[in-house]
C-alpha atoms as a PDB file:
ATOM      1  CA  MET A   1     125.926 127.103 129.428  1.00  0.00           C
ATOM      2  CA  LYS A   2     124.078 126.555 126.607  1.00  0.00           C
ATOM      3  CA  VAL A   3     125.077 123.190 124.385  1.00  0.00           C
ATOM      4  CA  GLN A   4     126.677 123.664 120.864  1.00  0.00           C
ATOM      5  CA  GLY A   5     125.284 121.235 118.301  1.00  0.00           C
ATOM      6  CA  TYR A   6     123.004 119.731 115.940  1.00  0.00           C
ATOM      7  CA  GLN A   7     119.212 120.833 117.979  1.00  0.00           C
ATOM      8  CA  LYS A   8     116.544 117.974 116.907  1.00  0.00           C
ATOM      9  CA  LYS A   9     113.743 119.350 115.415  1.00  0.00           C
ATOM     10  CA  SER A  10     110.432 118.927 115.953  1.00  0.00           C
ATOM     11  CA  LYS A  11     108.344 116.982 113.889  1.00  0.00           C
ATOM     12  CA  ALA A  12     106.772 120.086 112.172  1.00  0.00           C
ATOM     13  CA  GLU A  13     109.813 121.097 111.733  1.00  0.00           C
ATOM     14  CA  LEU A  14     111.069 117.970 110.071  1.00  0.00           C
ATOM     15  CA  LEU A  15     108.693 117.482 108.066  1.00  0.00           C
ATOM     16  CA  GLU A  16     109.783 120.919 106.072  1.00  0.00           C
ATOM     17  CA  ALA A  17     112.815 120.381 106.106  1.00  0.00           C
ATOM     18  CA  ILE A  18     112.058 116.977 104.445  1.00  0.00           C
ATOM     19  CA  ASP A  19     110.244 119.118 101.431  1.00  0.00           C
ATOM     20  CA  SER A  20     113.188 121.507 101.479  1.00  0.00           C
ATOM     21  CA  CYS A  21     115.536 119.372 100.458  1.00  0.00           C
ATOM     22  CA  VAL A  22     117.090 119.384  97.239  1.00  0.00           C
ATOM     23  CA  SER A  23     119.258 116.163  96.596  1.00  0.00           C
ATOM     24  CA  ILE A  24     119.326 112.860  97.897  1.00  0.00           C
ATOM     25  CA  SER A  25     122.179 112.878  99.618  1.00  0.00           C
ATOM     26  CA  GLN A  26     120.729 116.218 101.379  1.00  0.00           C
ATOM     27  CA  LEU A  27     117.942 114.217 102.680  1.00  0.00           C
ATOM     28  CA  CYS A  28     119.997 111.111 103.435  1.00  0.00           C
ATOM     29  CA  ALA A  29     121.834 113.243 105.775  1.00  0.00           C
ATOM     30  CA  LEU A  30     119.134 114.766 107.554  1.00  0.00           C
ATOM     31  CA  VAL A  31     117.855 111.177 108.133  1.00  0.00           C
ATOM     32  CA  GLN A  32     120.848 110.088 109.636  1.00  0.00           C
ATOM     33  CA  HIS A  33     121.188 113.312 111.548  1.00  0.00           C
ATOM     34  CA  GLU A  34     117.723 113.286 113.199  1.00  0.00           C
ATOM     35  CA  HIS A  35     117.799 109.282 113.514  1.00  0.00           C
ATOM     36  CA  ILE A  36     115.056 108.458 111.350  1.00  0.00           C
ATOM     37  CA  ILE A  37     114.237 104.327 110.997  1.00  0.00           C
ATOM     38  CA  ILE A  38     112.946 103.812 107.212  1.00  0.00           C
ATOM     39  CA  GLN A  39     110.896 100.502 106.611  1.00  0.00           C
ATOM     40  CA  MET A  40     112.107  98.562 103.853  1.00  0.00           C
ATOM     41  CA  LYS A  41     108.722  97.935 101.793  1.00  0.00           C
ATOM     42  CA  SER A  42     109.744  95.213  99.685  1.00  0.00           C
ATOM     43  CA  GLN A  43     112.799  93.278 100.722  1.00  0.00           C
ATOM     44  CA  SER A  44     111.013  91.839 103.902  1.00  0.00           C
ATOM     45  CA  SER A  45     113.725  89.283 104.231  1.00  0.00           C
ATOM     46  CA  ALA A  46     116.206  91.538 104.177  1.00  0.00           C
ATOM     47  CA  SER A  47     115.119  93.778 107.305  1.00  0.00           C
ATOM     48  CA  GLY A  48     113.122  90.766 108.902  1.00  0.00           C
ATOM     49  CA  LEU A  49     110.383  93.078 109.134  1.00  0.00           C
ATOM     50  CA  PRO A  50     107.203  91.787 107.901  1.00  0.00           C
ATOM     51  CA  GLN A  51     106.144  92.613 104.039  1.00  0.00           C
ATOM     52  CA  LYS A  52     104.220  95.620 103.436  1.00  0.00           C
ATOM     53  CA  LYS A  53     102.139  95.448 100.220  1.00  0.00           C
ATOM     54  CA  LEU A  54     102.863  97.590  97.657  1.00  0.00           C
ATOM     55  CA  THR A  55     100.164  99.849  96.226  1.00  0.00           C
ATOM     56  CA  ALA A  56      98.933 101.819  92.977  1.00  0.00           C
ATOM     57  CA  GLU A  57     100.762 104.693  93.915  1.00  0.00           C
ATOM     58  CA  ASP A  58     104.169 103.093  94.477  1.00  0.00           C
ATOM     59  CA  PHE A  59     104.512 102.050  90.888  1.00  0.00           C
ATOM     60  CA  ILE A  60     103.647 106.198  89.491  1.00  0.00           C
ATOM     61  CA  PRO A  61     106.651 106.380  86.855  1.00  0.00           C
ATOM     62  CA  ASN A  62     106.199 110.567  86.499  1.00  0.00           C
ATOM     63  CA  ARG A  63     107.534 111.266  90.474  1.00  0.00           C
ATOM     64  CA  SER A  64     111.266 111.286  90.596  1.00  0.00           C
ATOM     65  CA  PRO A  65     113.205 108.568  93.335  1.00  0.00           C
ATOM     66  CA  LEU A  66     113.935 111.744  95.362  1.00  0.00           C
ATOM     67  CA  ASP A  67     110.145 112.348  95.745  1.00  0.00           C
ATOM     68  CA  LYS A  68     109.523 108.818  96.887  1.00  0.00           C
ATOM     69  CA  LEU A  69     112.116 108.897  99.460  1.00  0.00           C
ATOM     70  CA  LYS A  70     110.949 112.112 100.272  1.00  0.00           C
ATOM     71  CA  ASP A  71     107.301 110.432 100.991  1.00  0.00           C
ATOM     72  CA  ASP A  72     108.735 107.345 102.959  1.00  0.00           C
ATOM     73  CA  VAL A  73     110.876 109.903 104.947  1.00  0.00           C
ATOM     74  CA  LYS A  74     107.725 111.709 106.142  1.00  0.00           C
ATOM     75  CA  GLU A  75     106.063 108.114 106.694  1.00  0.00           C
ATOM     76  CA  ALA A  76     108.515 107.504 109.050  1.00  0.00           C
ATOM     77  CA  VAL A  77     108.560 110.782 111.009  1.00  0.00           C
ATOM     78  CA  GLU A  78     104.651 110.359 110.757  1.00  0.00           C
ATOM     79  CA  ASN A  79     104.293 106.809 112.121  1.00  0.00           C
ATOM     80  CA  SER A  80     107.730 107.085 114.923  1.00  0.00           C
ATOM     81  CA  ARG A  81     106.728 110.380 116.829  1.00  0.00           C
END
């Protein structure tokens, strides 16, 4: 008997799915279903994790918040699997 429901994606499928998200809510739903953990970058005291220094790329003004969040999610996926 085949189990029905949400099937977790492979790393390649997940990276492709992240790129295809068109809204922050869609990306957040993907993060929730795949149990992706994203590390906070600047508020280290809030997360209890060591602080990650921000680079010049983190302050590029021509990138949307969605694009920045996609990059953070992709980084989390690449580093965790």
